[in-house]
Amino acid sequence: MHDEVSETENIRNNLAIERIIVGGCDILLDVNQVFIRKGCVIQVLNSDRSKTASRVARIGSFRGLVDKEIMRQCYLFSNHMLLCTRTSGGKLSLVDV
């Protein structure tokens, strides 16, 4: 009985997250997908990866190589991690990585 309740709560939680994602997310419709944690992640972007890689090899440090940092919403599940940005309307938009 406890397992059935846990599974129902898990499905309900996944559907609640799926509803706030623009365009939905089919991954969350899988009943085996268990929600673990939600949090914020800072994604570090740089403009030219090959140039950065050679500088890192020479200098040995990432200091000064960051072009841009973006705050992302992160949802960790048993088999996947979703990175999202929050839109002005409060919905989530999936990030292509």
PDB file of N, CA and C in Angstrom:
ATOM      1  N   MET A   1       0.826  -1.190   0.000  1.00  0.00           N
ATOM      2  CA  MET A   1       0.000   0.000   0.000  1.00  0.00           C
ATOM      3  C   MET A   1       0.875   1.260   0.000  1.00  0.00           C
ATOM      4  N   HIS A   2       1.940   1.257   0.824  1.00  0.00           N
ATOM      5  CA  HIS A   2       2.815   2.424   0.899  1.00  0.00           C
ATOM      6  C   HIS A   2       3.478   2.705  -0.449  1.00  0.00           C
ATOM      7  N   ASP A   3       3.902   1.654  -1.161  1.00  0.00           N
ATOM      8  CA  ASP A   3       4.534   1.826  -2.469  1.00  0.00           C
ATOM      9  C   ASP A   3       3.580   2.457  -3.466  1.00  0.00           C
ATOM     10  N   GLU A   4       2.306   2.065  -3.426  1.00  0.00           N
ATOM     11  CA  GLU A   4       1.311   2.631  -4.335  1.00  0.00           C
ATOM     12  C   GLU A   4       1.103   4.115  -4.056  1.00  0.00           C
ATOM     13  N   VAL A   5       1.075   4.488  -2.779  1.00  0.00           N
ATOM     14  CA  VAL A   5       0.914   5.896  -2.410  1.00  0.00           C
ATOM     15  C   VAL A   5       2.130   6.691  -2.863  1.00  0.00           C
ATOM     16  N   SER A   6       3.326   6.168  -2.637  1.00  0.00           N
ATOM     17  CA  SER A   6       4.554   6.843  -3.053  1.00  0.00           C
ATOM     18  C   SER A   6       4.590   7.021  -4.564  1.00  0.00           C
ATOM     19  N   GLU A   7       4.194   5.988  -5.298  1.00  0.00           N
ATOM     20  CA  GLU A   7       4.188   6.070  -6.757  1.00  0.00           C
ATOM     21  C   GLU A   7       3.182   7.107  -7.237  1.00  0.00           C
ATOM     22  N   THR A   8       2.016   7.158  -6.616  1.00  0.00           N
ATOM     23  CA  THR A   8       0.997   8.147  -6.986  1.00  0.00           C
ATOM     24  C   THR A   8       1.488   9.562  -6.694  1.00  0.00           C
ATOM     25  N   GLU A   9       2.113   9.770  -5.545  1.00  0.00           N
ATOM     26  CA  GLU A   9       2.662  11.083  -5.205  1.00  0.00           C
ATOM     27  C   GLU A   9       3.764  11.482  -6.175  1.00  0.00           C
ATOM     28  N   ASN A  10       4.592  10.533  -6.575  1.00  0.00           N
ATOM     29  CA  ASN A  10       5.666  10.796  -7.521  1.00  0.00           C
ATOM     30  C   ASN A  10       5.103  11.219  -8.876  1.00  0.00           C
ATOM     31  N   ILE A  11       4.096  10.509  -9.357  1.00  0.00           N
ATOM     32  CA  ILE A  11       3.470  10.850 -10.637  1.00  0.00           C
ATOM     33  C   ILE A  11       2.839  12.233 -10.552  1.00  0.00           C
ATOM     34  N   ARG A  12       2.158  12.521  -9.458  1.00  0.00           N
ATOM     35  CA  ARG A  12       1.518  13.827  -9.267  1.00  0.00           C
ATOM     36  C   ARG A  12       2.565  14.942  -9.273  1.00  0.00           C
ATOM     37  N   ASN A  13       3.666  14.738  -8.603  1.00  0.00           N
ATOM     38  CA  ASN A  13       4.743  15.725  -8.558  1.00  0.00           C
ATOM     39  C   ASN A  13       5.348  15.947  -9.948  1.00  0.00           C
ATOM     40  N   ASN A  14       5.611  14.868 -10.670  1.00  0.00           N
ATOM     41  CA  ASN A  14       6.169  14.982 -12.023  1.00  0.00           C
ATOM     42  C   ASN A  14       5.223  15.723 -12.953  1.00  0.00           C
ATOM     43  N   LEU A  15       3.927  15.447 -12.851  1.00  0.00           N
ATOM     44  CA  LEU A  15       2.947  16.127 -13.698  1.00  0.00           C
ATOM     45  C   LEU A  15       2.863  17.614 -13.362  1.00  0.00           C
ATOM     46  N   ALA A  16       3.004  17.961 -12.094  1.00  0.00           N
ATOM     47  CA  ALA A  16       2.990  19.371 -11.701  1.00  0.00           C
ATOM     48  C   ALA A  16       4.173  20.114 -12.322  1.00  0.00           C
ATOM     49  N   ILE A  17       5.339  19.487 -12.330  1.00  0.00           N
ATOM     50  CA  ILE A  17       6.521  20.091 -12.956  1.00  0.00           C
ATOM     51  C   ILE A  17       6.332  20.148 -14.468  1.00  0.00           C
ATOM     52  N   GLU A  18       5.807  19.088 -15.056  1.00  0.00           N
ATOM     53  CA  GLU A  18       5.610  19.015 -16.506  1.00  0.00           C
ATOM     54  C   GLU A  18       4.657  20.106 -16.985  1.00  0.00           C
ATOM     55  N   ARG A  19       3.663  20.457 -16.185  1.00  0.00           N
ATOM     56  CA  ARG A  19       2.685  21.484 -16.563  1.00  0.00           C
ATOM     57  C   ARG A  19       3.297  22.873 -16.631  1.00  0.00           C
ATOM     58  N   ILE A  20       4.333  23.156 -15.842  1.00  0.00           N
ATOM     59  CA  ILE A  20       4.907  24.503 -15.859  1.00  0.00           C
ATOM     60  C   ILE A  20       6.017  24.666 -16.899  1.00  0.00           C
ATOM     61  N   ILE A  21       6.335  23.597 -17.628  1.00  0.00           N
ATOM     62  CA  ILE A  21       7.346  23.675 -18.686  1.00  0.00           C
ATOM     63  C   ILE A  21       6.659  24.027 -20.000  1.00  0.00           C
ATOM     64  N   VAL A  22       7.153  25.067 -20.669  1.00  0.00           N
ATOM     65  CA  VAL A  22       6.599  25.488 -21.951  1.00  0.00           C
ATOM     66  C   VAL A  22       6.746  24.348 -22.949  1.00  0.00           C
ATOM     67  N   GLY A  23       5.648  23.900 -23.531  1.00  0.00           N
ATOM     68  CA  GLY A  23       5.677  22.797 -24.490  1.00  0.00           C
ATOM     69  C   GLY A  23       5.699  21.434 -23.836  1.00  0.00           C
ATOM     70  N   GLY A  24       5.719  21.377 -22.508  1.00  0.00           N
ATOM     71  CA  GLY A  24       5.723  20.097 -21.798  1.00  0.00           C
ATOM     72  C   GLY A  24       7.064  19.395 -21.887  1.00  0.00           C
ATOM     73  N   CYS A  25       7.115  18.212 -21.304  1.00  0.00           N
ATOM     74  CA  CYS A  25       8.343  17.413 -21.307  1.00  0.00           C
ATOM     75  C   CYS A  25       7.957  15.945 -21.192  1.00  0.00           C
ATOM     76  N   ASP A  26       8.086  15.205 -22.289  1.00  0.00           N
ATOM     77  CA  ASP A  26       7.677  13.797 -22.327  1.00  0.00           C
ATOM     78  C   ASP A  26       8.460  12.918 -21.357  1.00  0.00           C
ATOM     79  N   ILE A  27       9.673  13.306 -21.032  1.00  0.00           N
ATOM     80  CA  ILE A  27      10.501  12.522 -20.107  1.00  0.00           C
ATOM     81  C   ILE A  27       9.800  12.353 -18.765  1.00  0.00           C
ATOM     82  N   LEU A  28       9.090  13.387 -18.331  1.00  0.00           N
ATOM     83  CA  LEU A  28       8.445  13.358 -17.017  1.00  0.00           C
ATOM     84  C   LEU A  28       7.189  12.504 -16.986  1.00  0.00           C
ATOM     85  N   LEU A  29       6.715  12.070 -18.139  1.00  0.00           N
ATOM     86  CA  LEU A  29       5.524  11.224 -18.190  1.00  0.00           C
ATOM     87  C   LEU A  29       5.857   9.762 -17.930  1.00  0.00           C
ATOM     88  N   ASP A  30       7.131   9.428 -17.872  1.00  0.00           N
ATOM     89  CA  ASP A  30       7.580   8.070 -17.566  1.00  0.00           C
ATOM     90  C   ASP A  30       7.391   7.808 -16.073  1.00  0.00           C
ATOM     91  N   VAL A  31       6.638   6.764 -15.724  1.00  0.00           N
ATOM     92  CA  VAL A  31       6.346   6.472 -14.313  1.00  0.00           C
ATOM     93  C   VAL A  31       7.593   6.038 -13.534  1.00  0.00           C
ATOM     94  N   ASN A  32       8.650   5.633 -14.225  1.00  0.00           N
ATOM     95  CA  ASN A  32       9.889   5.225 -13.554  1.00  0.00           C
ATOM     96  C   ASN A  32      10.782   6.413 -13.195  1.00  0.00           C
ATOM     97  N   GLN A  33      10.415   7.601 -13.661  1.00  0.00           N
ATOM     98  CA  GLN A  33      11.182   8.816 -13.405  1.00  0.00           C
ATOM     99  C   GLN A  33      10.839   9.334 -12.005  1.00  0.00           C
ATOM    100  N   VAL A  34      11.787   9.289 -11.086  1.00  0.00           N
ATOM    101  CA  VAL A  34      11.543   9.698  -9.703  1.00  0.00           C
ATOM    102  C   VAL A  34      12.213  11.048  -9.450  1.00  0.00           C
ATOM    103  N   PHE A  35      11.438  12.010  -8.973  1.00  0.00           N
ATOM    104  CA  PHE A  35      11.958  13.334  -8.639  1.00  0.00           C
ATOM    105  C   PHE A  35      12.859  13.227  -7.414  1.00  0.00           C
ATOM    106  N   ILE A  36      14.056  13.841  -7.501  1.00  0.00           N
ATOM    107  CA  ILE A  36      15.001  13.790  -6.391  1.00  0.00           C
ATOM    108  C   ILE A  36      15.163  15.159  -5.742  1.00  0.00           C
ATOM    109  N   ARG A  37      15.477  16.176  -6.553  1.00  0.00           N
ATOM    110  CA  ARG A  37      15.765  17.479  -5.969  1.00  0.00           C
ATOM    111  C   ARG A  37      15.610  18.596  -6.989  1.00  0.00           C
ATOM    112  N   LYS A  38      15.282  19.788  -6.493  1.00  0.00           N
ATOM    113  CA  LYS A  38      15.185  20.995  -7.308  1.00  0.00           C
ATOM    114  C   LYS A  38      16.146  22.018  -6.728  1.00  0.00           C
ATOM    115  N   GLY A  39      16.801  22.781  -7.603  1.00  0.00           N
ATOM    116  CA  GLY A  39      17.709  23.808  -7.113  1.00  0.00           C
ATOM    117  C   GLY A  39      18.161  24.725  -8.228  1.00  0.00           C
ATOM    118  N   CYS A  40      19.086  25.596  -7.923  1.00  0.00           N
ATOM    119  CA  CYS A  40      19.643  26.530  -8.900  1.00  0.00           C
ATOM    120  C   CYS A  40      21.053  26.096  -9.278  1.00  0.00           C
ATOM    121  N   VAL A  41      21.392  26.341 -10.532  1.00  0.00           N
ATOM    122  CA  VAL A  41      22.719  26.018 -11.058  1.00  0.00           C
ATOM    123  C   VAL A  41      23.217  27.240 -11.815  1.00  0.00           C
ATOM    124  N   ILE A  42      24.477  27.561 -11.684  1.00  0.00           N
ATOM    125  CA  ILE A  42      25.069  28.627 -12.484  1.00  0.00           C
ATOM    126  C   ILE A  42      25.766  27.979 -13.665  1.00  0.00           C
ATOM    127  N   GLN A  43      25.285  28.294 -14.873  1.00  0.00           N
ATOM    128  CA  GLN A  43      25.894  27.764 -16.091  1.00  0.00           C
ATOM    129  C   GLN A  43      26.930  28.771 -16.574  1.00  0.00           C
ATOM    130  N   VAL A  44      28.148  28.310 -16.764  1.00  0.00           N
ATOM    131  CA  VAL A  44      29.240  29.166 -17.217  1.00  0.00           C
ATOM    132  C   VAL A  44      29.405  28.980 -18.713  1.00  0.00           C
ATOM    133  N   LEU A  45      29.315  30.085 -19.444  1.00  0.00           N
ATOM    134  CA  LEU A  45      29.448  30.053 -20.901  1.00  0.00           C
ATOM    135  C   LEU A  45      30.701  30.811 -21.308  1.00  0.00           C
ATOM    136  N   ASN A  46      31.320  30.366 -22.389  1.00  0.00           N
ATOM    137  CA  ASN A  46      32.400  31.136 -22.982  1.00  0.00           C
ATOM    138  C   ASN A  46      32.218  31.120 -24.485  1.00  0.00           C
ATOM    139  N   SER A  47      32.783  32.111 -25.167  1.00  0.00           N
ATOM    140  CA  SER A  47      32.494  32.293 -26.581  1.00  0.00           C
ATOM    141  C   SER A  47      33.267  31.351 -27.495  1.00  0.00           C
ATOM    142  N   ASP A  48      34.517  31.048 -27.184  1.00  0.00           N
ATOM    143  CA  ASP A  48      35.325  30.217 -28.074  1.00  0.00           C
ATOM    144  C   ASP A  48      35.978  29.101 -27.267  1.00  0.00           C
ATOM    145  N   ARG A  49      35.454  27.895 -27.403  1.00  0.00           N
ATOM    146  CA  ARG A  49      35.935  26.769 -26.594  1.00  0.00           C
ATOM    147  C   ARG A  49      37.372  26.373 -26.932  1.00  0.00           C
ATOM    148  N   SER A  50      37.750  26.396 -28.196  1.00  0.00           N
ATOM    149  CA  SER A  50      39.106  25.962 -28.550  1.00  0.00           C
ATOM    150  C   SER A  50      40.148  26.936 -28.006  1.00  0.00           C
ATOM    151  N   LYS A  51      39.850  28.220 -28.091  1.00  0.00           N
ATOM    152  CA  LYS A  51      40.762  29.225 -27.556  1.00  0.00           C
ATOM    153  C   LYS A  51      40.874  29.082 -26.033  1.00  0.00           C
ATOM    154  N   THR A  52      39.729  28.840 -25.386  1.00  0.00           N
ATOM    155  CA  THR A  52      39.712  28.677 -23.933  1.00  0.00           C
ATOM    156  C   THR A  52      40.495  27.441 -23.518  1.00  0.00           C
ATOM    157  N   ALA A  53      40.331  26.350 -24.244  1.00  0.00           N
ATOM    158  CA  ALA A  53      41.028  25.106 -23.897  1.00  0.00           C
ATOM    159  C   ALA A  53      42.537  25.300 -23.950  1.00  0.00           C
ATOM    160  N   SER A  54      43.027  26.018 -24.958  1.00  0.00           N
ATOM    161  CA  SER A  54      44.468  26.230 -25.050  1.00  0.00           C
ATOM    162  C   SER A  54      44.956  27.152 -23.934  1.00  0.00           C
ATOM    163  N   ARG A  55      44.151  28.157 -23.569  1.00  0.00           N
ATOM    164  CA  ARG A  55      44.535  29.047 -22.475  1.00  0.00           C
ATOM    165  C   ARG A  55      44.548  28.315 -21.141  1.00  0.00           C
ATOM    166  N   VAL A  56      43.584  27.426 -20.938  1.00  0.00           N
ATOM    167  CA  VAL A  56      43.529  26.663 -19.688  1.00  0.00           C
ATOM    168  C   VAL A  56      44.743  25.756 -19.582  1.00  0.00           C
ATOM    169  N   ALA A  57      45.137  25.146 -20.683  1.00  0.00           N
ATOM    170  CA  ALA A  57      46.305  24.264 -20.670  1.00  0.00           C
ATOM    171  C   ALA A  57      47.565  25.054 -20.314  1.00  0.00           C
ATOM    172  N   ARG A  58      47.668  26.270 -20.830  1.00  0.00           N
ATOM    173  CA  ARG A  58      48.836  27.106 -20.556  1.00  0.00           C
ATOM    174  C   ARG A  58      48.838  27.652 -19.136  1.00  0.00           C
ATOM    175  N   ILE A  59      47.706  28.194 -18.725  1.00  0.00           N
ATOM    176  CA  ILE A  59      47.636  28.886 -17.441  1.00  0.00           C
ATOM    177  C   ILE A  59      47.314  27.931 -16.299  1.00  0.00           C
ATOM    178  N   GLY A  60      46.454  26.951 -16.572  1.00  0.00           N
ATOM    179  CA  GLY A  60      46.069  26.013 -15.528  1.00  0.00           C
ATOM    180  C   GLY A  60      44.990  26.540 -14.602  1.00  0.00           C
ATOM    181  N   SER A  61      44.314  27.595 -14.997  1.00  0.00           N
ATOM    182  CA  SER A  61      43.279  28.189 -14.148  1.00  0.00           C
ATOM    183  C   SER A  61      42.142  28.704 -15.018  1.00  0.00           C
ATOM    184  N   PHE A  62      40.925  28.675 -14.448  1.00  0.00           N
ATOM    185  CA  PHE A  62      39.770  29.183 -15.186  1.00  0.00           C
ATOM    186  C   PHE A  62      39.547  30.675 -14.942  1.00  0.00           C
ATOM    187  N   ARG A  63      40.291  31.284 -14.056  1.00  0.00           N
ATOM    188  CA  ARG A  63      40.081  32.683 -13.720  1.00  0.00           C
ATOM    189  C   ARG A  63      40.261  33.563 -14.957  1.00  0.00           C
ATOM    190  N   GLY A  64      39.307  34.439 -15.206  1.00  0.00           N
ATOM    191  CA  GLY A  64      39.389  35.346 -16.335  1.00  0.00           C
ATOM    192  C   GLY A  64      38.912  34.755 -17.642  1.00  0.00           C
ATOM    193  N   LEU A  65      38.497  33.498 -17.659  1.00  0.00           N
ATOM    194  CA  LEU A  65      38.070  32.869 -18.901  1.00  0.00           C
ATOM    195  C   LEU A  65      36.555  32.866 -19.069  1.00  0.00           C
ATOM    196  N   VAL A  66      35.837  33.291 -18.062  1.00  0.00           N
ATOM    197  CA  VAL A  66      34.382  33.241 -18.092  1.00  0.00           C
ATOM    198  C   VAL A  66      33.844  34.452 -18.838  1.00  0.00           C
ATOM    199  N   ASP A  67      33.068  34.207 -19.901  1.00  0.00           N
ATOM    200  CA  ASP A  67      32.438  35.293 -20.632  1.00  0.00           C
ATOM    201  C   ASP A  67      31.077  35.639 -20.041  1.00  0.00           C
ATOM    202  N   LYS A  68      30.357  34.606 -19.577  1.00  0.00           N
ATOM    203  CA  LYS A  68      28.997  34.841 -19.127  1.00  0.00           C
ATOM    204  C   LYS A  68      28.571  33.747 -18.156  1.00  0.00           C
ATOM    205  N   GLU A  69      27.846  34.139 -17.126  1.00  0.00           N
ATOM    206  CA  GLU A  69      27.257  33.189 -16.183  1.00  0.00           C
ATOM    207  C   GLU A  69      25.748  33.381 -16.199  1.00  0.00           C
ATOM    208  N   ILE A  70      25.000  32.276 -16.266  1.00  0.00           N
ATOM    209  CA  ILE A  70      23.541  32.339 -16.303  1.00  0.00           C
ATOM    210  C   ILE A  70      22.988  31.447 -15.205  1.00  0.00           C
ATOM    211  N   MET A  71      22.032  31.984 -14.448  1.00  0.00           N
ATOM    212  CA  MET A  71      21.366  31.204 -13.402  1.00  0.00           C
ATOM    213  C   MET A  71      20.282  30.350 -14.056  1.00  0.00           C
ATOM    214  N   ARG A  72      20.299  29.054 -13.774  1.00  0.00           N
ATOM    215  CA  ARG A  72      19.323  28.104 -14.328  1.00  0.00           C
ATOM    216  C   ARG A  72      18.587  27.406 -13.194  1.00  0.00           C
ATOM    217  N   GLN A  73      17.346  27.016 -13.460  1.00  0.00           N
ATOM    218  CA  GLN A  73      16.598  26.142 -12.558  1.00  0.00           C
ATOM    219  C   GLN A  73      16.971  24.716 -12.931  1.00  0.00           C
ATOM    220  N   CYS A  74      17.258  23.899 -11.959  1.00  0.00           N
ATOM    221  CA  CYS A  74      17.678  22.526 -12.202  1.00  0.00           C
ATOM    222  C   CYS A  74      16.721  21.573 -11.499  1.00  0.00           C
ATOM    223  N   TYR A  75      16.252  20.565 -12.225  1.00  0.00           N
ATOM    224  CA  TYR A  75      15.394  19.524 -11.662  1.00  0.00           C
ATOM    225  C   TYR A  75      16.098  18.194 -11.866  1.00  0.00           C
ATOM    226  N   LEU A  76      16.442  17.528 -10.768  1.00  0.00           N
ATOM    227  CA  LEU A  76      17.151  16.260 -10.827  1.00  0.00           C
ATOM    228  C   LEU A  76      16.161  15.122 -10.624  1.00  0.00           C
ATOM    229  N   PHE A  77      16.162  14.187 -11.562  1.00  0.00           N
ATOM    230  CA  PHE A  77      15.320  13.000 -11.493  1.00  0.00           C
ATOM    231  C   PHE A  77      16.231  11.779 -11.460  1.00  0.00           C
ATOM    232  N   SER A  78      15.646  10.608 -11.290  1.00  0.00           N
ATOM    233  CA  SER A  78      16.442   9.386 -11.173  1.00  0.00           C
ATOM    234  C   SER A  78      17.247   9.092 -12.434  1.00  0.00           C
ATOM    235  N   ASN A  79      16.732   9.447 -13.602  1.00  0.00           N
ATOM    236  CA  ASN A  79      17.430   9.138 -14.853  1.00  0.00           C
ATOM    237  C   ASN A  79      17.823  10.357 -15.672  1.00  0.00           C
ATOM    238  N   HIS A  80      17.366  11.540 -15.308  1.00  0.00           N
ATOM    239  CA  HIS A  80      17.627  12.742 -16.095  1.00  0.00           C
ATOM    240  C   HIS A  80      17.807  13.957 -15.193  1.00  0.00           C
ATOM    241  N   MET A  81      18.436  14.976 -15.764  1.00  0.00           N
ATOM    242  CA  MET A  81      18.508  16.278 -15.116  1.00  0.00           C
ATOM    243  C   MET A  81      18.012  17.310 -16.120  1.00  0.00           C
ATOM    244  N   LEU A  82      17.055  18.122 -15.717  1.00  0.00           N
ATOM    245  CA  LEU A  82      16.510  19.152 -16.589  1.00  0.00           C
ATOM    246  C   LEU A  82      17.081  20.501 -16.190  1.00  0.00           C
ATOM    247  N   LEU A  83      17.603  21.245 -17.165  1.00  0.00           N
ATOM    248  CA  LEU A  83      18.046  22.615 -16.953  1.00  0.00           C
ATOM    249  C   LEU A  83      17.039  23.526 -17.627  1.00  0.00           C
ATOM    250  N   CYS A  84      16.540  24.506 -16.889  1.00  0.00           N
ATOM    251  CA  CYS A  84      15.481  25.372 -17.393  1.00  0.00           C
ATOM    252  C   CYS A  84      15.792  26.827 -17.073  1.00  0.00           C
ATOM    253  N   THR A  85      15.200  27.715 -17.860  1.00  0.00           N
ATOM    254  CA  THR A  85      15.194  29.136 -17.530  1.00  0.00           C
ATOM    255  C   THR A  85      13.762  29.515 -17.216  1.00  0.00           C
ATOM    256  N   ARG A  86      13.591  30.454 -16.321  1.00  0.00           N
ATOM    257  CA  ARG A  86      12.261  30.906 -15.935  1.00  0.00           C
ATOM    258  C   ARG A  86      11.875  32.053 -16.865  1.00  0.00           C
ATOM    259  N   THR A  87      10.706  31.949 -17.511  1.00  0.00           N
ATOM    260  CA  THR A  87      10.232  33.009 -18.400  1.00  0.00           C
ATOM    261  C   THR A  87       9.590  34.110 -17.575  1.00  0.00           C
ATOM    262  N   SER A  88       9.274  35.226 -18.230  1.00  0.00           N
ATOM    263  CA  SER A  88       8.665  36.351 -17.513  1.00  0.00           C
ATOM    264  C   SER A  88       7.281  35.996 -16.982  1.00  0.00           C
ATOM    265  N   GLY A  89       6.611  35.027 -17.600  1.00  0.00           N
ATOM    266  CA  GLY A  89       5.292  34.602 -17.152  1.00  0.00           C
ATOM    267  C   GLY A  89       5.332  33.563 -16.043  1.00  0.00           C
ATOM    268  N   GLY A  90       6.523  33.178 -15.595  1.00  0.00           N
ATOM    269  CA  GLY A  90       6.648  32.204 -14.520  1.00  0.00           C
ATOM    270  C   GLY A  90       6.782  30.769 -14.993  1.00  0.00           C
ATOM    271  N   LYS A  91       6.629  30.525 -16.291  1.00  0.00           N
ATOM    272  CA  LYS A  91       6.788  29.176 -16.839  1.00  0.00           C
ATOM    273  C   LYS A  91       8.274  28.856 -16.970  1.00  0.00           C
ATOM    274  N   LEU A  92       8.570  27.583 -17.203  1.00  0.00           N
ATOM    275  CA  LEU A  92       9.948  27.143 -17.405  1.00  0.00           C
ATOM    276  C   LEU A  92      10.179  26.823 -18.872  1.00  0.00           C
ATOM    277  N   SER A  93      11.335  27.165 -19.367  1.00  0.00           N
ATOM    278  CA  SER A  93      11.726  26.838 -20.733  1.00  0.00           C
ATOM    279  C   SER A  93      12.968  25.953 -20.661  1.00  0.00           C
ATOM    280  N   LEU A  94      12.925  24.795 -21.330  1.00  0.00           N
ATOM    281  CA  LEU A  94      14.059  23.867 -21.304  1.00  0.00           C
ATOM    282  C   LEU A  94      15.258  24.461 -22.036  1.00  0.00           C
ATOM    283  N   VAL A  95      16.452  24.207 -21.518  1.00  0.00           N
ATOM    284  CA  VAL A  95      17.694  24.697 -22.109  1.00  0.00           C
ATOM    285  C   VAL A  95      18.276  23.603 -22.990  1.00  0.00           C
ATOM    286  N   ASP A  96      18.646  23.953 -24.224  1.00  0.00           N
ATOM    287  CA  ASP A  96      19.343  23.011 -25.104  1.00  0.00           C
ATOM    288  C   ASP A  96      20.826  23.064 -24.768  1.00  0.00           C
ATOM    289  N   VAL A  97      21.396  21.901 -24.458  1.00  0.00           N
ATOM    290  CA  VAL A  97      22.820  21.859 -24.102  1.00  0.00           C
ATOM    291  C   VAL A  97      23.574  21.107 -25.164  1.00  0.00           C
TER     292      VAL A  97
END
